[in-house]
Amino acid sequence: MKRIQIIYAGRDFSIGEEDFEGMKAAIEQANRDGRAVWITVNHGEGRPQPAELLIGPGIPVALMPVPDEPPVRQPDGEGTVGTS
């Protein structure tokens, strides 16, 4: 994965070049420890602006890995395949 999409307070953010499982584990650990952490993300498209999000217990956040290559629909409409 090259990018992680984040939904936070109903808005879209992203993180580039970050390990999805590592980010998820860090957030889970902070929640287990009962502490909040700041993560640096990008907001906007074209020329994204850096933003800081507070992540911690009781703060809803969704992480979605963005695949390196978008799936390509099969000609018969059945399923998807990678582009490589």
N, C-alpha and C. Protein backbone atom coordinates (compact mmCIF):
# COMPACT_ATOMS: atom_id res chain seq x y z
N MET A 1 0.84 -1.17 0.00
CA MET A 1 0.00 0.00 0.00
C MET A 1 0.89 1.24 0.00
N LYS A 2 0.53 2.17 -0.82
CA LYS A 2 1.28 3.41 -0.87
C LYS A 2 0.66 4.50 -0.01
N ARG A 3 -0.63 4.36 0.30
CA ARG A 3 -1.32 5.45 0.98
C ARG A 3 -2.40 4.87 1.88
N ILE A 4 -2.68 5.59 2.97
CA ILE A 4 -3.77 5.24 3.87
C ILE A 4 -4.77 6.38 3.83
N GLN A 5 -6.02 6.07 3.54
CA GLN A 5 -7.07 7.07 3.61
C GLN A 5 -7.64 7.03 5.02
N ILE A 6 -7.92 8.20 5.57
CA ILE A 6 -8.44 8.32 6.93
C ILE A 6 -9.71 9.15 6.89
N ILE A 7 -10.74 8.67 7.56
CA ILE A 7 -11.94 9.47 7.75
C ILE A 7 -11.97 9.85 9.23
N TYR A 8 -12.01 11.15 9.47
CA TYR A 8 -11.92 11.69 10.82
C TYR A 8 -12.89 12.86 10.88
N ALA A 9 -13.84 12.82 11.81
CA ALA A 9 -14.84 13.88 11.95
C ALA A 9 -15.57 14.14 10.63
N GLY A 10 -15.80 13.06 9.88
CA GLY A 10 -16.55 13.16 8.63
C GLY A 10 -15.77 13.75 7.46
N ARG A 11 -14.48 13.96 7.63
CA ARG A 11 -13.66 14.54 6.56
C ARG A 11 -12.58 13.56 6.15
N ASP A 12 -12.16 13.68 4.89
CA ASP A 12 -11.13 12.79 4.35
C ASP A 12 -9.74 13.37 4.51
N PHE A 13 -8.82 12.49 4.93
CA PHE A 13 -7.41 12.83 5.05
C PHE A 13 -6.63 11.64 4.48
N SER A 14 -5.34 11.79 4.29
CA SER A 14 -4.53 10.67 3.83
C SER A 14 -3.12 10.77 4.40
N ILE A 15 -2.46 9.61 4.38
CA ILE A 15 -1.06 9.52 4.79
C ILE A 15 -0.35 8.76 3.69
N GLY A 16 0.73 9.31 3.17
CA GLY A 16 1.50 8.63 2.14
C GLY A 16 2.67 7.88 2.70
N GLU A 17 3.04 6.80 2.01
CA GLU A 17 4.22 6.02 2.37
C GLU A 17 4.24 5.59 3.83
N GLU A 18 3.12 5.09 4.31
CA GLU A 18 3.01 4.62 5.71
C GLU A 18 2.52 3.18 5.70
N ASP A 19 3.02 2.38 6.60
CA ASP A 19 2.61 0.99 6.72
C ASP A 19 1.25 0.92 7.40
N PHE A 20 0.26 0.35 6.72
CA PHE A 20 -1.11 0.28 7.24
C PHE A 20 -1.17 -0.47 8.56
N GLU A 21 -0.59 -1.65 8.62
CA GLU A 21 -0.64 -2.46 9.84
C GLU A 21 0.11 -1.77 10.98
N GLY A 22 1.21 -1.10 10.68
CA GLY A 22 1.95 -0.38 11.71
C GLY A 22 1.16 0.78 12.27
N MET A 23 0.47 1.52 11.40
CA MET A 23 -0.35 2.65 11.85
C MET A 23 -1.50 2.14 12.71
N LYS A 24 -2.14 1.08 12.26
CA LYS A 24 -3.26 0.50 13.02
C LYS A 24 -2.78 0.03 14.40
N ALA A 25 -1.64 -0.63 14.45
CA ALA A 25 -1.11 -1.13 15.72
C ALA A 25 -0.77 0.03 16.67
N ALA A 26 -0.21 1.12 16.15
CA ALA A 26 0.12 2.27 16.99
C ALA A 26 -1.13 2.91 17.59
N ILE A 27 -2.19 3.00 16.79
CA ILE A 27 -3.46 3.56 17.28
C ILE A 27 -4.07 2.64 18.33
N GLU A 28 -4.05 1.33 18.06
CA GLU A 28 -4.60 0.37 19.03
C GLU A 28 -3.83 0.44 20.35
N GLN A 29 -2.49 0.56 20.28
CA GLN A 29 -1.68 0.62 21.50
C GLN A 29 -2.00 1.87 22.29
N ALA A 30 -2.14 3.00 21.62
CA ALA A 30 -2.49 4.25 22.32
C ALA A 30 -3.83 4.11 23.02
N ASN A 31 -4.80 3.47 22.36
CA ASN A 31 -6.11 3.26 22.98
C ASN A 31 -6.01 2.34 24.18
N ARG A 32 -5.23 1.26 24.07
CA ARG A 32 -5.05 0.35 25.20
C ARG A 32 -4.41 1.06 26.39
N ASP A 33 -3.46 1.95 26.09
CA ASP A 33 -2.75 2.68 27.14
C ASP A 33 -3.58 3.83 27.70
N GLY A 34 -4.73 4.13 27.06
CA GLY A 34 -5.57 5.22 27.51
C GLY A 34 -4.99 6.60 27.24
N ARG A 35 -4.17 6.70 26.19
CA ARG A 35 -3.56 7.99 25.89
C ARG A 35 -3.89 8.42 24.46
N ALA A 36 -3.77 9.70 24.23
CA ALA A 36 -4.00 10.26 22.90
C ALA A 36 -2.65 10.55 22.24
N VAL A 37 -2.62 10.44 20.91
CA VAL A 37 -1.42 10.74 20.14
C VAL A 37 -1.81 11.61 18.94
N TRP A 38 -0.88 12.38 18.46
CA TRP A 38 -1.09 13.18 17.26
C TRP A 38 -0.47 12.45 16.08
N ILE A 39 -1.19 12.44 14.95
CA ILE A 39 -0.62 11.89 13.72
C ILE A 39 -0.65 12.99 12.66
N THR A 40 0.39 13.02 11.85
CA THR A 40 0.48 14.00 10.77
C THR A 40 -0.12 13.38 9.51
N VAL A 41 -1.04 14.10 8.91
CA VAL A 41 -1.76 13.63 7.73
C VAL A 41 -1.78 14.74 6.68
N ASN A 42 -2.33 14.42 5.51
CA ASN A 42 -2.53 15.40 4.45
C ASN A 42 -4.01 15.66 4.30
N HIS A 43 -4.35 16.92 4.01
CA HIS A 43 -5.75 17.28 3.77
C HIS A 43 -5.82 18.02 2.44
N GLY A 44 -6.81 17.67 1.63
CA GLY A 44 -6.98 18.33 0.34
C GLY A 44 -6.39 17.50 -0.79
N GLU A 45 -6.68 17.93 -2.00
CA GLU A 45 -6.18 17.23 -3.18
C GLU A 45 -5.38 18.19 -4.03
N GLY A 46 -4.58 17.64 -4.94
CA GLY A 46 -3.75 18.48 -5.78
C GLY A 46 -2.53 18.95 -5.02
N ARG A 47 -2.71 19.89 -4.12
CA ARG A 47 -1.63 20.38 -3.28
C ARG A 47 -2.07 20.22 -1.83
N PRO A 48 -1.95 19.00 -1.30
CA PRO A 48 -2.44 18.75 0.06
C PRO A 48 -1.69 19.56 1.11
N GLN A 49 -2.41 19.95 2.13
CA GLN A 49 -1.86 20.68 3.25
C GLN A 49 -1.65 19.73 4.43
N PRO A 50 -0.53 19.85 5.15
CA PRO A 50 -0.35 19.00 6.32
C PRO A 50 -1.34 19.39 7.41
N ALA A 51 -1.78 18.39 8.14
CA ALA A 51 -2.70 18.58 9.27
C ALA A 51 -2.31 17.61 10.36
N GLU A 52 -2.67 17.92 11.58
CA GLU A 52 -2.43 17.05 12.73
C GLU A 52 -3.78 16.59 13.27
N LEU A 53 -3.94 15.28 13.45
CA LEU A 53 -5.17 14.72 14.01
C LEU A 53 -4.87 14.12 15.37
N LEU A 54 -5.72 14.40 16.34
CA LEU A 54 -5.59 13.82 17.66
C LEU A 54 -6.32 12.48 17.67
N ILE A 55 -5.61 11.42 17.96
CA ILE A 55 -6.16 10.07 17.96
C ILE A 55 -6.07 9.52 19.37
N GLY A 56 -7.18 9.01 19.89
CA GLY A 56 -7.15 8.45 21.23
C GLY A 56 -8.47 7.84 21.61
N PRO A 57 -8.59 7.36 22.84
CA PRO A 57 -9.81 6.71 23.31
C PRO A 57 -11.03 7.61 23.11
N GLY A 58 -12.08 7.04 22.55
CA GLY A 58 -13.33 7.75 22.35
C GLY A 58 -13.37 8.65 21.13
N ILE A 59 -12.28 8.70 20.36
CA ILE A 59 -12.24 9.51 19.14
C ILE A 59 -12.37 8.57 17.95
N PRO A 60 -13.52 8.60 17.25
CA PRO A 60 -13.71 7.68 16.13
C PRO A 60 -12.84 8.05 14.93
N VAL A 61 -12.22 7.04 14.34
CA VAL A 61 -11.38 7.23 13.17
C VAL A 61 -11.47 5.96 12.33
N ALA A 62 -11.46 6.11 11.00
CA ALA A 62 -11.47 4.96 10.10
C ALA A 62 -10.21 5.00 9.25
N LEU A 63 -9.54 3.87 9.12
CA LEU A 63 -8.37 3.73 8.27
C LEU A 63 -8.71 2.80 7.12
N MET A 64 -8.32 3.19 5.90
CA MET A 64 -8.56 2.34 4.74
C MET A 64 -7.30 2.32 3.88
N PRO A 65 -6.75 1.12 3.64
CA PRO A 65 -5.57 1.07 2.78
C PRO A 65 -5.98 1.38 1.34
N VAL A 66 -5.18 2.19 0.66
CA VAL A 66 -5.42 2.49 -0.74
C VAL A 66 -4.48 1.61 -1.55
N PRO A 67 -5.02 0.73 -2.41
CA PRO A 67 -4.17 -0.19 -3.16
C PRO A 67 -3.21 0.55 -4.08
N ASP A 68 -2.06 -0.09 -4.36
CA ASP A 68 -1.08 0.48 -5.27
C ASP A 68 -1.69 0.69 -6.66
N GLU A 69 -2.46 -0.28 -7.11
CA GLU A 69 -3.08 -0.22 -8.42
C GLU A 69 -4.58 -0.44 -8.26
N PRO A 70 -5.38 0.39 -8.92
CA PRO A 70 -6.82 0.16 -8.82
C PRO A 70 -7.21 -1.13 -9.52
N PRO A 71 -8.22 -1.86 -8.98
CA PRO A 71 -8.67 -3.08 -9.64
C PRO A 71 -9.32 -2.74 -10.98
N VAL A 72 -9.19 -3.67 -11.92
CA VAL A 72 -9.79 -3.51 -13.24
C VAL A 72 -10.94 -4.49 -13.37
N ARG A 73 -12.10 -4.00 -13.76
CA ARG A 73 -13.29 -4.86 -13.91
C ARG A 73 -13.09 -5.77 -15.13
N GLN A 74 -13.42 -7.04 -14.95
CA GLN A 74 -13.36 -8.01 -16.04
C GLN A 74 -14.39 -7.63 -17.11
N PRO A 75 -14.11 -7.91 -18.40
CA PRO A 75 -15.05 -7.56 -19.47
C PRO A 75 -16.45 -8.13 -19.27
N ASP A 76 -16.56 -9.32 -18.67
CA ASP A 76 -17.88 -9.93 -18.48
C ASP A 76 -18.58 -9.39 -17.23
N GLY A 77 -17.91 -8.44 -16.52
CA GLY A 77 -18.50 -7.84 -15.34
C GLY A 77 -18.33 -8.68 -14.08
N GLU A 78 -17.69 -9.82 -14.19
CA GLU A 78 -17.51 -10.72 -13.05
C GLU A 78 -16.19 -10.44 -12.37
N GLY A 79 -16.22 -9.97 -11.15
CA GLY A 79 -15.01 -9.81 -10.35
C GLY A 79 -14.07 -8.76 -10.87
N THR A 80 -12.90 -8.68 -10.24
CA THR A 80 -11.89 -7.72 -10.63
C THR A 80 -10.54 -8.40 -10.65
N VAL A 81 -9.61 -7.81 -11.37
CA VAL A 81 -8.24 -8.31 -11.42
C VAL A 81 -7.32 -7.11 -11.32
N GLY A 82 -6.06 -7.37 -10.92
CA GLY A 82 -5.07 -6.29 -10.89
C GLY A 82 -4.68 -5.92 -12.30
N THR A 83 -3.93 -4.83 -12.46
CA THR A 83 -3.56 -4.36 -13.79
C THR A 83 -2.21 -4.90 -14.24
N SER A 84 -1.49 -5.65 -13.38
CA SER A 84 -0.17 -6.12 -13.78
C SER A 84 -0.24 -7.47 -14.45
